[in-house]
C-alpha atoms as a PDB file:
ATOM      1  CA  UNK A   1     177.335 127.816 118.045  1.00  0.00           C
ATOM      2  CA  UNK A   2     175.197 125.272 116.533  1.00  0.00           C
ATOM      3  CA  UNK A   3     174.238 125.651 113.010  1.00  0.00           C
ATOM      4  CA  UNK A   4     170.033 125.383 111.765  1.00  0.00           C
ATOM      5  CA  UNK A   5     171.470 122.472 109.530  1.00  0.00           C
ATOM      6  CA  UNK A   6     173.226 121.014 112.748  1.00  0.00           C
ATOM      7  CA  UNK A   7     170.331 121.364 114.875  1.00  0.00           C
ATOM      8  CA  UNK A   8     168.122 119.458 112.310  1.00  0.00           C
ATOM      9  CA  UNK A   9     170.353 116.828 111.641  1.00  0.00           C
ATOM     10  CA  UNK A  10     170.828 115.926 115.259  1.00  0.00           C
ATOM     11  CA  UNK A  11     167.353 115.821 115.958  1.00  0.00           C
ATOM     12  CA  UNK A  12     166.841 113.386 113.478  1.00  0.00           C
ATOM     13  CA  UNK A  13     169.165 111.009 115.127  1.00  0.00           C
ATOM     14  CA  UNK A  14     166.074 110.514 117.739  1.00  0.00           C
ATOM     15  CA  UNK A  15     165.105 108.331 114.799  1.00  0.00           C
ATOM     16  CA  UNK A  16     166.533 104.356 114.353  1.00  0.00           C
ATOM     17  CA  UNK A  17     166.416 104.968 110.858  1.00  0.00           C
ATOM     18  CA  UNK A  18     168.549 107.966 110.852  1.00  0.00           C
ATOM     19  CA  UNK A  19     171.077 106.636 113.402  1.00  0.00           C
ATOM     20  CA  UNK A  20     171.104 103.214 111.038  1.00  0.00           C
ATOM     21  CA  UNK A  21     172.074 105.654 108.232  1.00  0.00           C
ATOM     22  CA  UNK A  22     174.405 107.805 109.456  1.00  0.00           C
ATOM     23  CA  UNK A  23     176.025 105.310 112.035  1.00  0.00           C
ATOM     24  CA  UNK A  24     176.038 108.182 114.619  1.00  0.00           C
ATOM     25  CA  UNK A  25     174.394 108.359 118.217  1.00  0.00           C
ATOM     26  CA  UNK A  26     173.810 110.494 120.743  1.00  0.00           C
ATOM     27  CA  UNK A  27     174.658 111.033 124.600  1.00  0.00           C
ATOM     28  CA  UNK A  28     174.392 113.559 126.793  1.00  0.00           C
ATOM     29  CA  UNK A  29     175.353 114.256 130.786  1.00  0.00           C
ATOM     30  CA  UNK A  30     178.202 115.353 132.685  1.00  0.00           C
ATOM     31  CA  UNK A  31     179.462 111.880 133.677  1.00  0.00           C
ATOM     32  CA  UNK A  32     177.764 109.625 130.516  1.00  0.00           C
ATOM     33  CA  UNK A  33     179.780 111.524 128.024  1.00  0.00           C
ATOM     34  CA  UNK A  34     182.815 111.623 130.018  1.00  0.00           C
ATOM     35  CA  UNK A  35     183.063 107.819 130.291  1.00  0.00           C
ATOM     36  CA  UNK A  36     182.369 107.435 126.358  1.00  0.00           C
ATOM     37  CA  UNK A  37     185.147 109.898 125.015  1.00  0.00           C
ATOM     38  CA  UNK A  38     187.861 107.439 125.157  1.00  0.00           C
ATOM     39  CA  UNK A  39     185.885 104.652 123.455  1.00  0.00           C
ATOM     40  CA  UNK A  40     183.619 105.931 120.863  1.00  0.00           C
ATOM     41  CA  UNK A  41     184.835 108.290 118.150  1.00  0.00           C
ATOM     42  CA  UNK A  42     183.282 111.717 118.580  1.00  0.00           C
ATOM     43  CA  UNK A  43     182.336 113.542 115.813  1.00  0.00           C
ATOM     44  CA  UNK A  44     180.547 116.584 117.819  1.00  0.00           C
ATOM     45  CA  UNK A  45     180.450 117.962 121.159  1.00  0.00           C
ATOM     46  CA  UNK A  46     178.676 120.805 122.497  1.00  0.00           C
ATOM     47  CA  UNK A  47     179.406 121.882 126.038  1.00  0.00           C
ATOM     48  CA  UNK A  48     179.591 124.602 128.976  1.00  0.00           C
ATOM     49  CA  UNK A  49     183.071 126.048 129.486  1.00  0.00           C
ATOM     50  CA  UNK A  50     182.493 124.821 133.079  1.00  0.00           C
ATOM     51  CA  UNK A  51     182.226 121.044 132.310  1.00  0.00           C
ATOM     52  CA  UNK A  52     185.083 121.618 129.503  1.00  0.00           C
ATOM     53  CA  UNK A  53     187.534 122.242 132.562  1.00  0.00           C
ATOM     54  CA  UNK A  54     187.007 119.497 134.090  1.00  0.00           C
ATOM     55  CA  UNK A  55     188.306 117.545 131.036  1.00  0.00           C
ATOM     56  CA  UNK A  56     191.672 118.435 129.760  1.00  0.00           C
ATOM     57  CA  UNK A  57     192.234 117.679 126.160  1.00  0.00           C
ATOM     58  CA  UNK A  58     188.645 116.626 124.585  1.00  0.00           C
ATOM     59  CA  UNK A  59     189.081 114.505 121.524  1.00  0.00           C
ATOM     60  CA  UNK A  60     186.232 115.645 119.356  1.00  0.00           C
ATOM     61  CA  UNK A  61     186.247 116.214 115.775  1.00  0.00           C
ATOM     62  CA  UNK A  62     184.387 119.312 116.342  1.00  0.00           C
ATOM     63  CA  UNK A  63     184.266 120.635 119.449  1.00  0.00           C
ATOM     64  CA  UNK A  64     181.806 124.067 119.975  1.00  0.00           C
ATOM     65  CA  UNK A  65     181.256 126.233 123.406  1.00  0.00           C
ATOM     66  CA  UNK A  66     177.923 126.709 124.486  1.00  0.00           C
ATOM     67  CA  UNK A  67     176.959 130.132 125.899  1.00  0.00           C
ATOM     68  CA  UNK A  68     174.204 128.941 128.181  1.00  0.00           C
ATOM     69  CA  UNK A  69     171.808 126.045 128.593  1.00  0.00           C
ATOM     70  CA  UNK A  70     169.229 127.336 126.369  1.00  0.00           C
ATOM     71  CA  UNK A  71     171.838 126.191 123.268  1.00  0.00           C
ATOM     72  CA  UNK A  72     171.876 122.735 124.873  1.00  0.00           C
ATOM     73  CA  UNK A  73     168.363 122.696 125.360  1.00  0.00           C
ATOM     74  CA  UNK A  74     167.647 123.271 121.647  1.00  0.00           C
ATOM     75  CA  UNK A  75     168.848 119.509 120.833  1.00  0.00           C
ATOM     76  CA  UNK A  76     168.559 117.912 124.266  1.00  0.00           C
ATOM     77  CA  UNK A  77     165.951 115.264 124.924  1.00  0.00           C
ATOM     78  CA  UNK A  78     166.237 115.583 128.587  1.00  0.00           C
ATOM     79  CA  UNK A  79     163.977 117.403 130.831  1.00  0.00           C
ATOM     80  CA  UNK A  80     166.183 119.128 132.651  1.00  0.00           C
ATOM     81  CA  UNK A  81     169.918 119.329 130.168  1.00  0.00           C
ATOM     82  CA  UNK A  82     173.140 119.167 131.545  1.00  0.00           C
ATOM     83  CA  UNK A  83     176.124 120.490 130.578  1.00  0.00           C
ATOM     84  CA  UNK A  84     177.353 118.966 127.737  1.00  0.00           C
ATOM     85  CA  UNK A  85     175.884 117.011 124.557  1.00  0.00           C
ATOM     86  CA  UNK A  86     177.856 114.707 122.425  1.00  0.00           C
ATOM     87  CA  UNK A  87     177.531 112.952 119.193  1.00  0.00           C
ATOM     88  CA  UNK A  88     179.522 109.649 118.667  1.00  0.00           C
ATOM     89  CA  UNK A  89     180.204 107.418 115.704  1.00  0.00           C
ATOM     90  CA  UNK A  90     178.423 104.093 116.129  1.00  0.00           C
ATOM     91  CA  UNK A  91     181.004 101.238 116.872  1.00  0.00           C
ATOM     92  CA  UNK A  92     181.046  97.833 114.597  1.00  0.00           C
ATOM     93  CA  UNK A  93     181.664  94.628 116.195  1.00  0.00           C
ATOM     94  CA  UNK A  94     182.316  91.103 115.181  1.00  0.00           C
ATOM     95  CA  UNK A  95     179.753  88.157 116.660  1.00  0.00           C
ATOM     96  CA  UNK A  96     182.617  86.006 116.752  1.00  0.00           C
ATOM     97  CA  UNK A  97     183.740  87.676 119.467  1.00  0.00           C
ATOM     98  CA  UNK A  98     180.658  86.740 121.446  1.00  0.00           C
ATOM     99  CA  UNK A  99     181.881  83.220 122.099  1.00  0.00           C
ATOM    100  CA  UNK A 100     180.610  81.112 124.945  1.00  0.00           C
ATOM    101  CA  UNK A 101     183.149  79.084 125.404  1.00  0.00           C
ATOM    102  CA  UNK A 102     185.449  80.633 127.411  1.00  0.00           C
ATOM    103  CA  UNK A 103     183.364  83.587 128.881  1.00  0.00           C
ATOM    104  CA  UNK A 104     179.612  84.006 129.957  1.00  0.00           C
ATOM    105  CA  UNK A 105     177.391  85.883 127.486  1.00  0.00           C
ATOM    106  CA  UNK A 106     173.864  87.370 127.890  1.00  0.00           C
ATOM    107  CA  UNK A 107     171.534  86.761 125.041  1.00  0.00           C
ATOM    108  CA  UNK A 108     167.830  89.016 124.853  1.00  0.00           C
ATOM    109  CA  UNK A 109     164.901  87.336 123.017  1.00  0.00           C
ATOM    110  CA  UNK A 110     162.686  90.203 121.781  1.00  0.00           C
ATOM    111  CA  UNK A 111     163.378  92.788 125.106  1.00  0.00           C
ATOM    112  CA  UNK A 112     161.809  95.919 123.296  1.00  0.00           C
ATOM    113  CA  UNK A 113     161.863  98.433 126.362  1.00  0.00           C
ATOM    114  CA  UNK A 114     164.813 101.014 125.659  1.00  0.00           C
ATOM    115  CA  UNK A 115     165.024 101.284 129.903  1.00  0.00           C
ATOM    116  CA  UNK A 116     165.076  97.472 130.617  1.00  0.00           C
ATOM    117  CA  UNK A 117     167.866  96.974 127.590  1.00  0.00           C
ATOM    118  CA  UNK A 118     169.813  99.758 129.369  1.00  0.00           C
ATOM    119  CA  UNK A 119     169.570  98.503 132.705  1.00  0.00           C
ATOM    120  CA  UNK A 120     170.527  95.159 131.330  1.00  0.00           C
ATOM    121  CA  UNK A 121     173.639  96.587 129.693  1.00  0.00           C
ATOM    122  CA  UNK A 122     174.343  98.276 133.043  1.00  0.00           C
ATOM    123  CA  UNK A 123     174.233  94.906 135.010  1.00  0.00           C
ATOM    124  CA  UNK A 124     176.483  92.918 132.549  1.00  0.00           C
ATOM    125  CA  UNK A 125     178.901  95.992 133.315  1.00  0.00           C
ATOM    126  CA  UNK A 126     178.783  95.107 136.972  1.00  0.00           C
ATOM    127  CA  UNK A 127     178.901  91.249 136.447  1.00  0.00           C
ATOM    128  CA  UNK A 128     181.980  91.571 134.138  1.00  0.00           C
ATOM    129  CA  UNK A 129     180.052  90.292 130.909  1.00  0.00           C
ATOM    130  CA  UNK A 130     181.988  91.649 128.017  1.00  0.00           C
ATOM    131  CA  UNK A 131     178.981  90.831 125.449  1.00  0.00           C
ATOM    132  CA  UNK A 132     175.337  91.180 124.744  1.00  0.00           C
ATOM    133  CA  UNK A 133     173.788  88.801 122.084  1.00  0.00           C
ATOM    134  CA  UNK A 134     170.182  90.647 121.082  1.00  0.00           C
ATOM    135  CA  UNK A 135     167.515  89.236 118.371  1.00  0.00           C
ATOM    136  CA  UNK A 136     166.797  91.877 115.905  1.00  0.00           C
ATOM    137  CA  UNK A 137     164.004  93.465 117.006  1.00  0.00           C
ATOM    138  CA  UNK A 138     165.676  93.910 120.541  1.00  0.00           C
ATOM    139  CA  UNK A 139     165.413  97.651 121.779  1.00  0.00           C
ATOM    140  CA  UNK A 140     168.304 100.000 120.108  1.00  0.00           C
ATOM    141  CA  UNK A 141     171.634  99.764 122.134  1.00  0.00           C
ATOM    142  CA  UNK A 142     172.396 103.233 120.838  1.00  0.00           C
ATOM    143  CA  UNK A 143     168.814 104.497 120.816  1.00  0.00           C
ATOM    144  CA  UNK A 144     168.875 107.972 123.243  1.00  0.00           C
ATOM    145  CA  UNK A 145     166.801 106.260 126.238  1.00  0.00           C
ATOM    146  CA  UNK A 146     169.156 103.138 126.112  1.00  0.00           C
ATOM    147  CA  UNK A 147     172.330 105.018 126.299  1.00  0.00           C
ATOM    148  CA  UNK A 148     171.041 107.219 128.763  1.00  0.00           C
ATOM    149  CA  UNK A 149     169.880 103.858 131.261  1.00  0.00           C
ATOM    150  CA  UNK A 150     172.899 102.529 130.864  1.00  0.00           C
ATOM    151  CA  UNK A 151     174.719 104.848 132.482  1.00  0.00           C
ATOM    152  CA  UNK A 152     178.304 104.830 130.843  1.00  0.00           C
ATOM    153  CA  UNK A 153     178.202 101.045 130.962  1.00  0.00           C
ATOM    154  CA  UNK A 154     177.401 101.145 127.073  1.00  0.00           C
ATOM    155  CA  UNK A 155     181.584 101.965 126.560  1.00  0.00           C
ATOM    156  CA  UNK A 156     182.271  98.595 128.312  1.00  0.00           C
ATOM    157  CA  UNK A 157     179.787  95.934 126.724  1.00  0.00           C
ATOM    158  CA  UNK A 158     179.687  95.260 123.099  1.00  0.00           C
ATOM    159  CA  UNK A 159     176.012  94.527 122.097  1.00  0.00           C
ATOM    160  CA  UNK A 160     175.733  92.590 118.824  1.00  0.00           C
ATOM    161  CA  UNK A 161     172.211  91.887 117.193  1.00  0.00           C
ATOM    162  CA  UNK A 162     171.938  88.659 115.654  1.00  0.00           C
ATOM    163  CA  UNK A 163     169.451  85.823 114.628  1.00  0.00           C
ATOM    164  CA  UNK A 164     169.532  83.925 117.929  1.00  0.00           C
ATOM    165  CA  UNK A 165     168.511  80.690 117.305  1.00  0.00           C
ATOM    166  CA  UNK A 166     171.431  80.619 114.170  1.00  0.00           C
ATOM    167  CA  UNK A 167     173.327  81.777 117.038  1.00  0.00           C
ATOM    168  CA  UNK A 168     172.841  79.160 119.650  1.00  0.00           C
ATOM    169  CA  UNK A 169     172.593  76.316 117.305  1.00  0.00           C
ATOM    170  CA  UNK A 170     176.412  77.479 116.433  1.00  0.00           C
ATOM    171  CA  UNK A 171     177.571  77.405 120.143  1.00  0.00           C
ATOM    172  CA  UNK A 172     175.358  74.678 121.953  1.00  0.00           C
ATOM    173  CA  UNK A 173     177.459  72.091 121.524  1.00  0.00           C
ATOM    174  CA  UNK A 174     180.665  73.496 122.984  1.00  0.00           C
ATOM    175  CA  UNK A 175     179.173  75.831 125.769  1.00  0.00           C
ATOM    176  CA  UNK A 176     175.921  75.114 128.001  1.00  0.00           C
ATOM    177  CA  UNK A 177     172.719  77.236 127.218  1.00  0.00           C
ATOM    178  CA  UNK A 178     170.370  78.367 129.778  1.00  0.00           C
ATOM    179  CA  UNK A 179     167.147  80.024 130.012  1.00  0.00           C
ATOM    180  CA  UNK A 180     164.636  82.278 132.169  1.00  0.00           C
ATOM    181  CA  UNK A 181     161.575  80.663 132.633  1.00  0.00           C
ATOM    182  CA  UNK A 182     158.690  80.884 134.800  1.00  0.00           C
ATOM    183  CA  UNK A 183     159.329  77.078 135.244  1.00  0.00           C
ATOM    184  CA  UNK A 184     162.250  74.845 135.488  1.00  0.00           C
ATOM    185  CA  UNK A 185     164.911  74.341 138.087  1.00  0.00           C
ATOM    186  CA  UNK A 186     165.601  76.207 141.269  1.00  0.00           C
ATOM    187  CA  UNK A 187     168.469  78.618 140.304  1.00  0.00           C
ATOM    188  CA  UNK A 188     169.137  78.562 144.093  1.00  0.00           C
ATOM    189  CA  UNK A 189     169.654  75.023 143.894  1.00  0.00           C
ATOM    190  CA  UNK A 190     172.039  74.785 140.882  1.00  0.00           C
ATOM    191  CA  UNK A 191     175.791  74.622 140.184  1.00  0.00           C
ATOM    192  CA  UNK A 192     176.489  77.167 137.633  1.00  0.00           C
ATOM    193  CA  UNK A 193     179.396  77.818 135.610  1.00  0.00           C
ATOM    194  CA  UNK A 194     181.319  80.876 134.808  1.00  0.00           C
ATOM    195  CA  UNK A 195     181.033  80.260 130.750  1.00  0.00           C
ATOM    196  CA  UNK A 196     177.959  79.566 128.345  1.00  0.00           C
ATOM    197  CA  UNK A 197     174.721  81.512 127.193  1.00  0.00           C
ATOM    198  CA  UNK A 198     171.999  82.862 129.812  1.00  0.00           C
ATOM    199  CA  UNK A 199     169.051  83.775 127.258  1.00  0.00           C
ATOM    200  CA  UNK A 200     166.512  86.197 128.810  1.00  0.00           C
ATOM    201  CA  UNK A 201     162.969  86.504 127.211  1.00  0.00           C
ATOM    202  CA  UNK A 202     160.490  89.209 126.127  1.00  0.00           C
ATOM    203  CA  UNK A 203     159.028  91.603 128.940  1.00  0.00           C
ATOM    204  CA  UNK A 204     155.285  89.844 128.383  1.00  0.00           C
ATOM    205  CA  UNK A 205     156.212  86.678 126.379  1.00  0.00           C
ATOM    206  CA  UNK A 206     159.448  85.337 127.394  1.00  0.00           C
ATOM    207  CA  UNK A 207     161.629  83.214 125.270  1.00  0.00           C
ATOM    208  CA  UNK A 208     160.038  82.274 121.859  1.00  0.00           C
ATOM    209  CA  UNK A 209     159.500  78.403 121.237  1.00  0.00           C
ATOM    210  CA  UNK A 210     162.283  78.728 118.238  1.00  0.00           C
ATOM    211  CA  UNK A 211     164.805  79.830 120.651  1.00  0.00           C
ATOM    212  CA  UNK A 212     163.931  77.753 124.076  1.00  0.00           C
ATOM    213  CA  UNK A 213     164.321  74.442 121.777  1.00  0.00           C
ATOM    214  CA  UNK A 214     167.817  75.544 121.877  1.00  0.00           C
ATOM    215  CA  UNK A 215     168.092  75.866 125.852  1.00  0.00           C
ATOM    216  CA  UNK A 216     169.646  73.207 127.347  1.00  0.00           C
ATOM    217  CA  UNK A 217     168.629  73.766 130.755  1.00  0.00           C
ATOM    218  CA  UNK A 218     165.686  75.966 132.014  1.00  0.00           C
ATOM    219  CA  UNK A 219     166.094  78.209 135.321  1.00  0.00           C
ATOM    220  CA  UNK A 220     163.515  79.385 137.532  1.00  0.00           C
ATOM    221  CA  UNK A 221     163.709  82.065 140.264  1.00  0.00           C
ATOM    222  CA  UNK A 222     161.186  81.301 143.100  1.00  0.00           C
ATOM    223  CA  UNK A 223     159.303  83.671 144.907  1.00  0.00           C
ATOM    224  CA  UNK A 224     159.261  83.596 148.583  1.00  0.00           C
ATOM    225  CA  UNK A 225     157.766  82.218 150.858  1.00  0.00           C
ATOM    226  CA  UNK A 226     156.522  79.473 147.974  1.00  0.00           C
ATOM    227  CA  UNK A 227     153.320  79.563 149.560  1.00  0.00           C
ATOM    228  CA  UNK A 228     152.417  83.032 149.318  1.00  0.00           C
ATOM    229  CA  UNK A 229     150.595  84.479 146.573  1.00  0.00           C
ATOM    230  CA  UNK A 230     153.149  86.944 144.814  1.00  0.00           C
ATOM    231  CA  UNK A 231     153.539  88.955 141.290  1.00  0.00           C
ATOM    232  CA  UNK A 232     153.341  86.946 138.109  1.00  0.00           C
ATOM    233  CA  UNK A 233     156.563  87.509 137.469  1.00  0.00           C
ATOM    234  CA  UNK A 234     159.616  89.774 137.696  1.00  0.00           C
ATOM    235  CA  UNK A 235     160.829  92.983 135.457  1.00  0.00           C
ATOM    236  CA  UNK A 236     163.259  91.555 133.166  1.00  0.00           C
ATOM    237  CA  UNK A 237     166.127  93.853 134.235  1.00  0.00           C
ATOM    238  CA  UNK A 238     165.500  92.621 138.000  1.00  0.00           C
ATOM    239  CA  UNK A 239     165.479  89.010 136.572  1.00  0.00           C
ATOM    240  CA  UNK A 240     168.394  89.339 134.870  1.00  0.00           C
ATOM    241  CA  UNK A 241     170.313  90.493 138.034  1.00  0.00           C
ATOM    242  CA  UNK A 242     169.459  87.767 140.331  1.00  0.00           C
ATOM    243  CA  UNK A 243     170.361  85.457 137.556  1.00  0.00           C
ATOM    244  CA  UNK A 244     173.986  87.354 136.837  1.00  0.00           C
ATOM    245  CA  UNK A 245     174.567  87.157 140.756  1.00  0.00           C
ATOM    246  CA  UNK A 246     174.155  83.658 140.799  1.00  0.00           C
ATOM    247  CA  UNK A 247     176.156  82.618 137.987  1.00  0.00           C
ATOM    248  CA  UNK A 248     178.931  84.953 139.558  1.00  0.00           C
ATOM    249  CA  UNK A 249     178.669  82.978 142.831  1.00  0.00           C
ATOM    250  CA  UNK A 250     180.054  79.991 141.181  1.00  0.00           C
ATOM    251  CA  UNK A 251     183.078  81.774 140.518  1.00  0.00           C
ATOM    252  CA  UNK A 252     185.400  78.982 141.826  1.00  0.00           C
ATOM    253  CA  UNK A 253     184.209  76.852 139.295  1.00  0.00           C
ATOM    254  CA  UNK A 254     187.686  75.655 138.113  1.00  0.00           C
ATOM    255  CA  UNK A 255     186.838  75.455 134.065  1.00  0.00           C
ATOM    256  CA  UNK A 256     184.676  75.977 131.290  1.00  0.00           C
ATOM    257  CA  UNK A 257     181.445  73.511 131.232  1.00  0.00           C
ATOM    258  CA  UNK A 258     180.687  71.853 128.125  1.00  0.00           C
ATOM    259  CA  UNK A 259     177.081  71.507 127.232  1.00  0.00           C
ATOM    260  CA  UNK A 260     175.634  68.067 128.273  1.00  0.00           C
ATOM    261  CA  UNK A 261     172.275  68.369 127.052  1.00  0.00           C
END
């Protein structure tokens, strides 16, 4: 059974300031927690016996049995709590791993909606993109809403936070930098490589000028048919999915491409 002090501390993890201070984050849901158990250090796990019975040996520092759903609901952020709630230690990654010379990297410039960020992490996982580089003002990848939206993909995609102009400046000589814009080259007519950086901008304002100045090639997703008046823009996660799909269609490109711009 959780103590009152534990309940208070867990509830505080809903706040970014407290997550950063404690270097912890929360996850809940039967499949989500199961996906994360063997990737992140689990500090505390509260679950019903029926869920525990499906897991075998559970690698948690503190393992608590929930007598009923009400016990989990005391700390849950979901409208309908499931059978398990976990507190994980936040991992640390080296930005040096996010090298676009030999792999495809997603860079997010001010994506602030947790649901959008979580969905983009899930998209990256689907298309085999192992690293996201986010500007410091992006949503927190380890916030409860983001974690929930990743559907477990956070255990396979590393999210880094860095100054994007600095990061791009360090790599643009040896790897191409693409950006998603409302004007640019038709993405369906481009030959796209398997390496480089794809920059995705803020939901409302797009890519900021300082970052845009380092983009070598601007890509545009046209609406169809061209003569038909369509929505002003796509949802940022939907646009990311289309762009990643087009890059992965170029899987036959035999070697990395260096930036020509």
